[in-house]
Every structure is written in structure tokens, then in C-alpha cells.
C-alpha atoms as a PDB file:
ATOM      1  CA  UNK A   1      78.621 172.531 199.569  1.00  0.00           C
ATOM      2  CA  UNK A   2      81.689 171.438 197.599  1.00  0.00           C
ATOM      3  CA  UNK A   3      80.478 173.379 194.584  1.00  0.00           C
ATOM      4  CA  UNK A   4      79.902 176.417 196.800  1.00  0.00           C
ATOM      5  CA  UNK A   5      83.419 176.154 198.257  1.00  0.00           C
ATOM      6  CA  UNK A   6      84.866 175.722 194.794  1.00  0.00           C
ATOM      7  CA  UNK A   7      82.984 178.792 193.499  1.00  0.00           C
ATOM      8  CA  UNK A   8      84.091 180.829 196.507  1.00  0.00           C
ATOM      9  CA  UNK A   9      87.722 179.794 196.027  1.00  0.00           C
ATOM     10  CA  UNK A  10      87.525 180.583 192.302  1.00  0.00           C
ATOM     11  CA  UNK A  11      86.073 184.018 193.052  1.00  0.00           C
ATOM     12  CA  UNK A  12      88.899 184.764 195.543  1.00  0.00           C
ATOM     13  CA  UNK A  13      91.539 183.681 193.003  1.00  0.00           C
ATOM     14  CA  UNK A  14      89.945 185.887 190.338  1.00  0.00           C
ATOM     15  CA  UNK A  15      89.791 188.847 192.748  1.00  0.00           C
ATOM     16  CA  UNK A  16      93.413 188.215 193.767  1.00  0.00           C
ATOM     17  CA  UNK A  17      94.505 188.032 190.106  1.00  0.00           C
ATOM     18  CA  UNK A  18      92.606 191.258 189.323  1.00  0.00           C
ATOM     19  CA  UNK A  19      94.193 193.004 192.322  1.00  0.00           C
ATOM     20  CA  UNK A  20      97.666 191.784 191.315  1.00  0.00           C
ATOM     21  CA  UNK A  21      97.124 192.946 187.717  1.00  0.00           C
ATOM     22  CA  UNK A  22      96.044 196.375 188.984  1.00  0.00           C
ATOM     23  CA  UNK A  23      99.083 196.573 191.281  1.00  0.00           C
ATOM     24  CA  UNK A  24     101.420 195.591 188.423  1.00  0.00           C
ATOM     25  CA  UNK A  25      99.845 198.249 186.218  1.00  0.00           C
ATOM     26  CA  UNK A  26     100.333 200.899 188.943  1.00  0.00           C
ATOM     27  CA  UNK A  27     103.995 199.915 189.348  1.00  0.00           C
ATOM     28  CA  UNK A  28     104.457 200.079 185.574  1.00  0.00           C
ATOM     29  CA  UNK A  29     102.933 203.574 185.448  1.00  0.00           C
ATOM     30  CA  UNK A  30     105.205 204.773 188.273  1.00  0.00           C
ATOM     31  CA  UNK A  31     108.315 203.323 186.624  1.00  0.00           C
ATOM     32  CA  UNK A  32     107.445 204.826 183.224  1.00  0.00           C
ATOM     33  CA  UNK A  33     106.681 208.199 184.816  1.00  0.00           C
ATOM     34  CA  UNK A  34     110.016 208.237 186.612  1.00  0.00           C
ATOM     35  CA  UNK A  35     111.856 207.220 183.443  1.00  0.00           C
ATOM     36  CA  UNK A  36     110.220 209.872 181.281  1.00  0.00           C
ATOM     37  CA  UNK A  37     110.710 212.492 184.002  1.00  0.00           C
ATOM     38  CA  UNK A  38     114.466 212.014 183.622  1.00  0.00           C
ATOM     39  CA  UNK A  39     114.150 212.931 179.931  1.00  0.00           C
ATOM     40  CA  UNK A  40     112.095 216.044 180.680  1.00  0.00           C
ATOM     41  CA  UNK A  41     114.121 219.236 180.395  1.00  0.00           C
ATOM     42  CA  UNK A  42     113.104 222.592 181.806  1.00  0.00           C
ATOM     43  CA  UNK A  43     112.744 225.376 179.275  1.00  0.00           C
ATOM     44  CA  UNK A  44     114.604 227.745 181.610  1.00  0.00           C
ATOM     45  CA  UNK A  45     117.308 226.838 184.056  1.00  0.00           C
ATOM     46  CA  UNK A  46     116.017 227.439 187.577  1.00  0.00           C
ATOM     47  CA  UNK A  47     117.911 230.030 189.567  1.00  0.00           C
ATOM     48  CA  UNK A  48     120.528 228.592 191.878  1.00  0.00           C
ATOM     49  CA  UNK A  49     120.798 231.773 193.937  1.00  0.00           C
ATOM     50  CA  UNK A  50     118.006 233.817 195.428  1.00  0.00           C
ATOM     51  CA  UNK A  51     117.525 237.277 193.974  1.00  0.00           C
ATOM     52  CA  UNK A  52     118.462 240.227 196.148  1.00  0.00           C
ATOM     53  CA  UNK A  53     117.802 243.906 196.652  1.00  0.00           C
ATOM     54  CA  UNK A  54     120.566 246.257 195.424  1.00  0.00           C
ATOM     55  CA  UNK A  55     121.234 249.796 196.587  1.00  0.00           C
ATOM     56  CA  UNK A  56     122.784 252.202 194.072  1.00  0.00           C
ATOM     57  CA  UNK A  57     126.133 251.864 195.879  1.00  0.00           C
ATOM     58  CA  UNK A  58     126.045 248.066 195.748  1.00  0.00           C
ATOM     59  CA  UNK A  59     125.130 248.038 192.066  1.00  0.00           C
ATOM     60  CA  UNK A  60     128.119 250.299 191.265  1.00  0.00           C
ATOM     61  CA  UNK A  61     130.451 247.460 192.353  1.00  0.00           C
ATOM     62  CA  UNK A  62     129.362 245.439 189.314  1.00  0.00           C
ATOM     63  CA  UNK A  63     130.389 247.930 186.636  1.00  0.00           C
ATOM     64  CA  UNK A  64     132.780 245.650 184.764  1.00  0.00           C
ATOM     65  CA  UNK A  65     135.899 247.403 186.043  1.00  0.00           C
ATOM     66  CA  UNK A  66     137.221 244.338 187.902  1.00  0.00           C
ATOM     67  CA  UNK A  67     138.213 241.416 185.685  1.00  0.00           C
ATOM     68  CA  UNK A  68     136.525 238.179 186.709  1.00  0.00           C
ATOM     69  CA  UNK A  69     133.708 239.881 188.658  1.00  0.00           C
ATOM     70  CA  UNK A  70     130.123 239.736 187.444  1.00  0.00           C
ATOM     71  CA  UNK A  71     128.720 242.641 185.435  1.00  0.00           C
ATOM     72  CA  UNK A  72     125.248 243.827 186.419  1.00  0.00           C
ATOM     73  CA  UNK A  73     122.907 246.437 185.029  1.00  0.00           C
ATOM     74  CA  UNK A  74     119.347 247.363 185.873  1.00  0.00           C
ATOM     75  CA  UNK A  75     116.465 248.181 183.574  1.00  0.00           C
ATOM     76  CA  UNK A  76     113.082 249.118 185.046  1.00  0.00           C
ATOM     77  CA  UNK A  77     114.467 248.303 188.493  1.00  0.00           C
ATOM     78  CA  UNK A  78     115.302 244.702 187.546  1.00  0.00           C
ATOM     79  CA  UNK A  79     118.990 243.804 187.940  1.00  0.00           C
ATOM     80  CA  UNK A  80     120.396 241.545 185.227  1.00  0.00           C
ATOM     81  CA  UNK A  81     123.694 239.663 185.148  1.00  0.00           C
ATOM     82  CA  UNK A  82     125.060 240.726 181.745  1.00  0.00           C
ATOM     83  CA  UNK A  83     128.473 239.105 182.278  1.00  0.00           C
ATOM     84  CA  UNK A  84     128.024 236.743 179.321  1.00  0.00           C
ATOM     85  CA  UNK A  85     127.771 239.856 177.135  1.00  0.00           C
ATOM     86  CA  UNK A  86     131.038 241.317 178.443  1.00  0.00           C
ATOM     87  CA  UNK A  87     132.159 242.097 174.888  1.00  0.00           C
ATOM     88  CA  UNK A  88     129.342 244.683 174.939  1.00  0.00           C
ATOM     89  CA  UNK A  89     129.258 245.627 178.624  1.00  0.00           C
ATOM     90  CA  UNK A  90     132.761 244.942 179.970  1.00  0.00           C
ATOM     91  CA  UNK A  91     135.472 247.479 180.734  1.00  0.00           C
ATOM     92  CA  UNK A  92     136.135 249.625 177.652  1.00  0.00           C
ATOM     93  CA  UNK A  93     133.257 248.032 175.690  1.00  0.00           C
ATOM     94  CA  UNK A  94     130.710 250.071 173.746  1.00  0.00           C
ATOM     95  CA  UNK A  95     127.893 249.816 176.302  1.00  0.00           C
ATOM     96  CA  UNK A  96     129.958 249.825 179.504  1.00  0.00           C
ATOM     97  CA  UNK A  97     128.372 253.157 180.488  1.00  0.00           C
ATOM     98  CA  UNK A  98     125.084 251.301 181.067  1.00  0.00           C
ATOM     99  CA  UNK A  99     126.370 248.865 183.718  1.00  0.00           C
ATOM    100  CA  UNK A 100     126.619 249.253 187.457  1.00  0.00           C
ATOM    101  CA  UNK A 101     123.414 251.326 187.579  1.00  0.00           C
ATOM    102  CA  UNK A 102     119.777 251.448 186.548  1.00  0.00           C
ATOM    103  CA  UNK A 103     119.957 252.635 182.932  1.00  0.00           C
ATOM    104  CA  UNK A 104     116.245 252.544 182.136  1.00  0.00           C
ATOM    105  CA  UNK A 105     116.105 255.980 180.504  1.00  0.00           C
ATOM    106  CA  UNK A 106     119.214 255.325 178.390  1.00  0.00           C
ATOM    107  CA  UNK A 107     117.809 252.007 177.164  1.00  0.00           C
ATOM    108  CA  UNK A 108     114.483 253.658 176.283  1.00  0.00           C
ATOM    109  CA  UNK A 109     116.209 256.441 174.361  1.00  0.00           C
ATOM    110  CA  UNK A 110     119.010 254.232 173.004  1.00  0.00           C
ATOM    111  CA  UNK A 111     121.391 256.788 174.428  1.00  0.00           C
ATOM    112  CA  UNK A 112     124.774 256.757 176.124  1.00  0.00           C
ATOM    113  CA  UNK A 113     124.497 260.388 177.211  1.00  0.00           C
ATOM    114  CA  UNK A 114     125.483 260.566 180.920  1.00  0.00           C
ATOM    115  CA  UNK A 115     122.302 262.566 181.628  1.00  0.00           C
ATOM    116  CA  UNK A 116     120.238 259.558 180.454  1.00  0.00           C
ATOM    117  CA  UNK A 117     121.986 257.010 182.696  1.00  0.00           C
ATOM    118  CA  UNK A 118     119.146 256.961 185.219  1.00  0.00           C
ATOM    119  CA  UNK A 119     115.994 255.094 186.148  1.00  0.00           C
ATOM    120  CA  UNK A 120     113.867 258.214 185.626  1.00  0.00           C
ATOM    121  CA  UNK A 121     111.355 257.786 182.800  1.00  0.00           C
ATOM    122  CA  UNK A 122     109.729 261.204 183.201  1.00  0.00           C
ATOM    123  CA  UNK A 123     109.094 262.884 179.855  1.00  0.00           C
ATOM    124  CA  UNK A 124     109.766 259.857 177.644  1.00  0.00           C
ATOM    125  CA  UNK A 125     107.607 259.626 174.543  1.00  0.00           C
ATOM    126  CA  UNK A 126     105.174 256.785 173.920  1.00  0.00           C
ATOM    127  CA  UNK A 127     107.544 255.504 171.241  1.00  0.00           C
ATOM    128  CA  UNK A 128     110.461 255.473 173.702  1.00  0.00           C
ATOM    129  CA  UNK A 129     108.359 253.683 176.343  1.00  0.00           C
ATOM    130  CA  UNK A 130     107.314 251.085 173.777  1.00  0.00           C
ATOM    131  CA  UNK A 131     110.961 250.646 172.792  1.00  0.00           C
ATOM    132  CA  UNK A 132     111.874 250.232 176.461  1.00  0.00           C
ATOM    133  CA  UNK A 133     109.252 247.536 176.949  1.00  0.00           C
ATOM    134  CA  UNK A 134     110.335 245.724 173.811  1.00  0.00           C
ATOM    135  CA  UNK A 135     114.038 245.740 174.715  1.00  0.00           C
ATOM    136  CA  UNK A 136     113.270 244.797 178.324  1.00  0.00           C
ATOM    137  CA  UNK A 137     111.120 241.816 177.322  1.00  0.00           C
ATOM    138  CA  UNK A 138     112.875 240.618 174.169  1.00  0.00           C
ATOM    139  CA  UNK A 139     116.496 241.311 175.023  1.00  0.00           C
ATOM    140  CA  UNK A 140     117.228 241.512 178.715  1.00  0.00           C
ATOM    141  CA  UNK A 141     114.617 239.109 180.084  1.00  0.00           C
ATOM    142  CA  UNK A 142     115.332 236.492 177.412  1.00  0.00           C
ATOM    143  CA  UNK A 143     119.147 236.714 177.377  1.00  0.00           C
ATOM    144  CA  UNK A 144     120.237 237.534 180.916  1.00  0.00           C
ATOM    145  CA  UNK A 145     119.394 236.074 184.324  1.00  0.00           C
ATOM    146  CA  UNK A 146     117.657 238.282 186.869  1.00  0.00           C
ATOM    147  CA  UNK A 147     119.826 238.546 189.992  1.00  0.00           C
ATOM    148  CA  UNK A 148     117.819 241.113 191.925  1.00  0.00           C
ATOM    149  CA  UNK A 149     115.956 244.372 192.057  1.00  0.00           C
ATOM    150  CA  UNK A 150     116.982 247.927 192.827  1.00  0.00           C
ATOM    151  CA  UNK A 151     116.082 249.139 196.286  1.00  0.00           C
ATOM    152  CA  UNK A 152     114.792 252.411 194.851  1.00  0.00           C
ATOM    153  CA  UNK A 153     112.087 250.456 193.085  1.00  0.00           C
ATOM    154  CA  UNK A 154     110.308 249.563 196.317  1.00  0.00           C
ATOM    155  CA  UNK A 155     111.904 251.619 199.108  1.00  0.00           C
ATOM    156  CA  UNK A 156     111.816 255.301 200.022  1.00  0.00           C
ATOM    157  CA  UNK A 157     114.961 257.418 200.387  1.00  0.00           C
ATOM    158  CA  UNK A 158     115.173 256.607 204.112  1.00  0.00           C
ATOM    159  CA  UNK A 159     115.050 252.849 203.393  1.00  0.00           C
ATOM    160  CA  UNK A 160     111.520 252.255 204.626  1.00  0.00           C
ATOM    161  CA  UNK A 161     109.014 250.430 202.417  1.00  0.00           C
ATOM    162  CA  UNK A 162     107.243 252.659 199.959  1.00  0.00           C
ATOM    163  CA  UNK A 163     103.597 252.121 200.934  1.00  0.00           C
ATOM    164  CA  UNK A 164     102.450 253.824 197.748  1.00  0.00           C
ATOM    165  CA  UNK A 165     104.409 251.464 195.491  1.00  0.00           C
ATOM    166  CA  UNK A 166     102.152 248.971 193.777  1.00  0.00           C
ATOM    167  CA  UNK A 167     103.936 247.145 190.964  1.00  0.00           C
ATOM    168  CA  UNK A 168     100.701 246.383 189.186  1.00  0.00           C
ATOM    169  CA  UNK A 169      99.947 250.124 188.984  1.00  0.00           C
ATOM    170  CA  UNK A 170     103.295 251.068 187.452  1.00  0.00           C
ATOM    171  CA  UNK A 171     103.151 251.990 183.755  1.00  0.00           C
ATOM    172  CA  UNK A 172     104.898 249.511 181.491  1.00  0.00           C
ATOM    173  CA  UNK A 173     105.543 247.061 184.320  1.00  0.00           C
ATOM    174  CA  UNK A 174     104.486 243.429 184.149  1.00  0.00           C
ATOM    175  CA  UNK A 175     104.875 241.740 187.518  1.00  0.00           C
ATOM    176  CA  UNK A 176     103.554 238.354 186.345  1.00  0.00           C
ATOM    177  CA  UNK A 177     106.800 237.473 184.563  1.00  0.00           C
ATOM    178  CA  UNK A 178     109.270 238.977 186.984  1.00  0.00           C
ATOM    179  CA  UNK A 179     108.753 237.283 190.337  1.00  0.00           C
END
């Protein structure tokens, strides 16, 4: 009986030691995970403000004419904060005509003609549409934060939702990266 008690006690001590070793290992993993998480940096800074829907009138307020105010422009219905490029887009700058509106057509055609300062892409060539996609993806989406979307992109003229609008069906539109 003494041997049996001794074996039972030894088994409990071994089980207790194994359980304690497992618990210590779990604590170590948690501590290391928390420590390395502090060193982890996001590739892109998360947005601190929610995006919003802009009417044409609202977007006009961000045309770079007021010093110290943000400068916004839209391409393909996506509104970008281009303030950090104010040497290009600010008041009196070379591309100031593009801001405060959706300038999709002008970007596609690389034009500053007032007739091209619109979101209308009707009649653009395949080359111009490819250029638009390239500039949209490689310039605007990589350099400037998205602050919203134009209302005309998803609403009808009377402000009601456009039931026919399906982003995934729009030519040269990639929803996966935008929302």
C-alpha cells in the first residue's frame, strides 16, 4: 500500500509539473505575441474618419481657393484628399482646374480643357480608359487618401438610390480595393 501511495503521489506531482510547464509555455507565447505585435506596423495607415458621400455642390467647397482648407478631387466617383499635393492642385497651381469636382474625363484624356472637367467617360478611347485606370490605381489610390464618393456615382438626380447601379458591372471599376 505504501508503494501504491508513493506511486500515486509521484504521478500527481508529474502531472502537476507537466500542467505547470504547459501553463508557463502558454504565458510565454502570449507575452511574446504581445511584444511582437507592438513592433508590427500596418502597411497603410487606417482611416481616422469615415468616408462620406459628396454632392457636386459640396465637392466645390474643396477647390483649393481657401488657404488652410483641404483640397479634394474625384476620379471615377472616388473623392481623394489631394491637399498634400497642393503645389500641383492648390490655388493658382497647374492642375487646380481638376479639384473641387469629378475630373474623370480630364484625367483620362490628360486634359485641362473645361469641357473635359466632368465624370462623363462617354466616347473615350480604349487607350484613354486604360490610361485612366492606370492613373487611378498607380497615382491617386497610392498617393492620396480616399475621403468619400460622389453622390452621382450611386444616386439618381432626385437623390434616390440608383437601383440599376451595380459597381461590379461598371467598366473599369474595381470595387474590391475601394471599400
